[in-house]
Amino acid sequence: MANGLEIYQSLDRETCAVVAEFGKMRLMMAFSPDSYRGFSGEGKALDNMVEQVPQEYIYGLNSLLKSNETFDPTMLSIENDINFSTMDTLTASLSSMGLLGYDLHDNQHFYRRLPFKTERILSLNPRLKNAKKLIDNADIEIVEQRADYVEAKVKGSGVFHKVVIDGGQGRCTCEWYTAYQDKRGVCKHVLAVKMLTKEMD
């Protein structure tokens, strides 16, 4: 029944997408190794979420945009006087919550409404929530900080993890980093240190 079929895969070959064409309609299916990853975008968008955006922006866009409407970050930035870097962060946040889809065929984002309340959607990224909790609980000690280099101790469950961010690349002694390294985005400890040092700038 399909007129055409396109298959995409991520560079690490952990995720893929299949796009089937039916005349003027397209069906896209994205596949992840584990269903519990939910809307996390495999965690790779987390680096773009270091700068926090006001939740009002998310509520505002959710009421402004219609389902399946093209999402053009550049035009939205210009029309609403939003800094481009803030819009990058907002785009990453919306994508990680599942509010933005990405049309692989047309190479553009589109907005989609989900059958959840906005409050529920905001809670769907546990790693980001846990990173914020580490900051709020003052569980991070900056050991050394200079241009393009940060070393920190981050409190874990009965241990302290060593986090090193060198040239934007983060490393951690936690089990998450040992298991996945950068395949599924940064761990909560690296993310928390990046967020904290961003606030201190």
Protein backbone atom coordinates (compact mmCIF):
# COMPACT_ATOMS: atom_id res chain seq x y z
CA MET A 1 0.00 0.00 0.00
CA ALA A 2 2.92 2.38 0.61
CA ASN A 3 4.30 4.47 -2.24
CA GLY A 4 7.70 4.76 -0.59
CA LEU A 5 9.67 3.92 2.52
CA GLU A 6 12.56 5.82 4.12
CA ILE A 7 14.64 4.52 7.05
CA TYR A 8 16.77 6.75 9.30
CA GLN A 9 19.13 5.76 12.09
CA SER A 10 21.07 7.67 14.73
CA LEU A 11 24.85 7.82 14.45
CA ASP A 12 25.26 5.42 17.38
CA ARG A 13 22.72 3.02 15.76
CA GLU A 14 20.70 2.82 18.96
CA THR A 15 17.54 4.41 17.54
CA CYS A 16 15.87 4.48 14.16
CA ALA A 17 12.84 5.90 12.39
CA VAL A 18 10.78 4.56 9.51
CA VAL A 19 8.80 6.93 7.27
CA ALA A 20 6.15 5.37 5.03
CA GLU A 21 4.54 7.48 2.28
CA PHE A 22 0.89 7.02 1.33
CA GLY A 23 0.15 9.55 -1.41
CA LYS A 24 -0.16 12.93 0.36
CA MET A 25 0.18 11.37 3.81
CA ARG A 26 3.26 10.19 5.69
CA LEU A 27 3.44 7.86 8.68
CA MET A 28 6.55 8.11 10.84
CA MET A 29 7.43 5.53 13.48
CA ALA A 30 10.41 6.07 15.80
CA PHE A 31 11.93 3.12 17.64
CA SER A 32 13.89 3.23 20.89
CA PRO A 33 15.64 0.31 22.60
CA ASP A 34 13.58 0.73 25.79
CA SER A 35 9.98 1.91 26.14
CA TYR A 36 10.65 3.44 29.58
CA ARG A 37 12.79 6.17 27.98
CA GLY A 38 9.53 7.87 27.06
CA PHE A 39 9.87 11.39 25.68
CA SER A 40 13.48 11.82 26.79
CA GLY A 41 14.79 11.99 23.23
CA GLU A 42 17.32 9.40 24.39
CA GLY A 43 18.59 12.07 26.79
CA LYS A 44 20.71 13.71 24.12
CA ALA A 45 18.80 16.99 24.26
CA LEU A 46 19.77 17.51 27.90
CA ASP A 47 22.95 19.43 27.04
CA ASN A 48 20.74 22.07 25.40
CA MET A 49 18.68 22.39 28.58
CA VAL A 50 21.46 23.68 30.84
CA GLU A 51 20.05 27.20 30.64
CA GLN A 52 16.66 27.13 32.34
CA VAL A 53 13.67 28.82 30.71
CA PRO A 54 10.62 30.12 32.57
CA GLN A 55 7.78 27.59 32.71
CA GLU A 56 5.50 30.42 31.54
CA TYR A 57 7.14 30.11 28.09
CA ILE A 58 6.08 26.46 27.89
CA TYR A 59 2.53 27.22 29.05
CA GLY A 60 2.37 30.15 26.63
CA LEU A 61 3.47 28.14 23.60
CA ASN A 62 1.16 25.31 24.55
CA SER A 63 -1.81 27.69 24.39
CA LEU A 64 -0.51 29.57 21.32
CA LEU A 65 0.29 26.72 18.93
CA LYS A 66 -2.05 24.28 17.27
CA SER A 67 -1.42 20.57 16.85
CA ASN A 68 0.73 19.70 13.80
CA GLU A 69 1.57 23.36 13.25
CA THR A 70 5.09 23.94 11.91
CA PHE A 71 7.42 25.09 14.69
CA ASP A 72 9.96 27.59 13.38
CA PRO A 73 12.31 28.58 16.27
CA THR A 74 13.92 31.44 14.33
CA MET A 75 10.63 33.12 13.41
CA LEU A 76 9.23 32.61 16.93
CA SER A 77 12.36 34.22 18.39
CA ILE A 78 12.07 37.25 16.11
CA GLU A 79 8.30 37.69 16.45
CA ASN A 80 8.29 37.33 20.25
CA ASP A 81 11.66 38.99 21.01
CA ILE A 82 13.15 35.84 22.56
CA ASN A 83 16.92 35.36 22.64
CA PHE A 84 18.08 32.70 20.13
CA SER A 85 19.96 30.69 22.79
CA THR A 86 16.85 30.75 25.01
CA MET A 87 14.80 29.50 22.06
CA ASP A 88 17.31 26.65 21.54
CA THR A 89 16.79 25.68 25.17
CA LEU A 90 13.03 25.97 24.85
CA THR A 91 13.08 23.82 21.69
CA ALA A 92 15.10 21.15 23.52
CA SER A 93 12.71 21.30 26.50
CA LEU A 94 9.61 20.95 24.33
CA SER A 95 11.20 18.10 22.35
CA SER A 96 12.17 16.19 25.49
CA MET A 97 8.58 16.47 26.75
CA GLY A 98 7.20 15.20 23.47
CA LEU A 99 5.49 18.50 22.62
CA LEU A 100 7.65 18.89 19.52
CA GLY A 101 7.91 16.27 16.85
CA TYR A 102 10.46 16.33 14.05
CA ASP A 103 9.56 15.70 10.43
CA LEU A 104 12.60 13.84 9.05
CA HIS A 105 11.34 14.25 5.48
CA ASP A 106 10.95 18.05 5.64
CA ASN A 107 13.70 18.62 8.25
CA GLN A 108 11.53 20.75 10.52
CA HIS A 109 9.85 20.61 13.92
CA PHE A 110 6.10 20.52 14.34
CA TYR A 111 4.03 21.12 17.45
CA ARG A 112 1.80 18.41 18.83
CA ARG A 113 -0.67 18.33 21.67
CA LEU A 114 -0.46 15.41 24.07
CA PRO A 115 -3.28 13.91 26.15
CA PHE A 116 -1.66 15.07 29.40
CA LYS A 117 -1.95 18.19 31.50
CA THR A 118 1.01 20.52 31.10
CA GLU A 119 2.03 19.93 34.75
CA ARG A 120 2.30 16.20 34.04
CA ILE A 121 4.36 16.80 30.90
CA LEU A 122 6.81 19.00 32.82
CA SER A 123 7.51 16.08 35.19
CA LEU A 124 8.35 13.60 32.42
CA ASN A 125 12.11 14.23 32.40
CA PRO A 126 13.42 12.61 35.60
CA ARG A 127 17.11 13.26 34.88
CA LEU A 128 16.50 16.99 34.55
CA LYS A 129 14.38 16.98 37.73
CA ASN A 130 17.08 15.12 39.64
CA ALA A 131 19.78 17.51 38.44
CA LYS A 132 17.74 20.47 39.71
CA LYS A 133 17.27 18.69 43.04
CA LEU A 134 21.06 18.29 43.41
CA ILE A 135 21.42 22.06 42.96
CA ASP A 136 18.53 22.90 45.32
CA ASN A 137 19.96 20.60 48.02
CA ALA A 138 23.45 22.14 47.69
CA ASP A 139 24.89 18.69 46.92
CA ILE A 140 27.58 20.08 44.61
CA GLU A 141 31.00 21.36 45.63
CA ILE A 142 33.05 23.10 42.94
CA VAL A 143 36.66 22.01 43.51
CA GLU A 144 38.27 23.90 40.63
CA GLN A 145 36.97 26.20 37.92
CA ARG A 146 38.81 27.97 35.15
CA ALA A 147 38.20 28.75 31.49
CA ASP A 148 36.70 25.66 29.80
CA TYR A 149 37.43 23.44 32.83
CA VAL A 150 35.39 22.53 35.91
CA GLU A 151 36.02 19.88 38.55
CA ALA A 152 33.36 19.16 41.15
CA LYS A 153 32.29 16.72 43.86
CA VAL A 154 28.63 15.71 43.67
CA LYS A 155 26.85 13.89 46.47
CA GLY A 156 25.41 10.51 45.52
CA SER A 157 23.86 7.66 47.50
CA GLY A 158 26.46 7.19 50.22
CA VAL A 159 29.31 8.34 47.96
CA PHE A 160 30.65 11.46 46.27
CA HIS A 161 31.07 11.40 42.51
CA LYS A 162 33.86 13.26 40.76
CA VAL A 163 32.68 15.30 37.79
CA VAL A 164 35.10 16.84 35.29
CA ILE A 165 33.93 19.10 32.47
CA ASP A 166 36.77 19.81 30.07
CA GLY A 167 36.09 21.82 26.92
CA GLY A 168 32.35 21.26 27.30
CA GLN A 169 32.72 17.46 27.53
CA GLY A 170 31.67 15.97 30.86
CA ARG A 171 32.90 12.85 32.66
CA CYS A 172 31.63 11.33 35.90
CA THR A 173 32.49 8.42 38.20
CA CYS A 174 28.85 7.31 38.55
CA GLU A 175 27.44 4.02 37.27
CA TRP A 176 25.34 5.80 34.63
CA TYR A 177 28.40 7.34 32.98
CA THR A 178 30.30 4.04 33.19
CA ALA A 179 27.42 2.19 31.50
CA TYR A 180 26.43 4.71 28.81
CA GLN A 181 29.11 7.44 28.64
CA ASP A 182 27.67 9.87 26.04
CA LYS A 183 25.39 7.42 24.21
CA ARG A 184 22.26 8.55 26.08
CA GLY A 185 23.18 12.09 27.00
CA VAL A 186 24.81 13.37 30.16
CA CYS A 187 24.20 11.90 33.63
CA LYS A 188 22.34 13.94 36.25
CA HIS A 189 25.61 14.81 38.03
CA VAL A 190 27.28 16.32 34.92
CA LEU A 191 24.02 18.05 34.01
CA ALA A 192 23.71 19.56 37.50
CA VAL A 193 27.30 20.86 37.45
CA LYS A 194 26.76 22.41 34.00
CA MET A 195 23.55 24.06 35.18
CA LEU A 196 25.15 25.35 38.37
CA THR A 197 28.20 26.83 36.61
CA LYS A 198 25.89 28.40 34.01
CA GLU A 199 23.98 30.14 36.85
CA MET A 200 27.29 31.38 38.32
CA ASP A 201 28.43 32.95 35.02
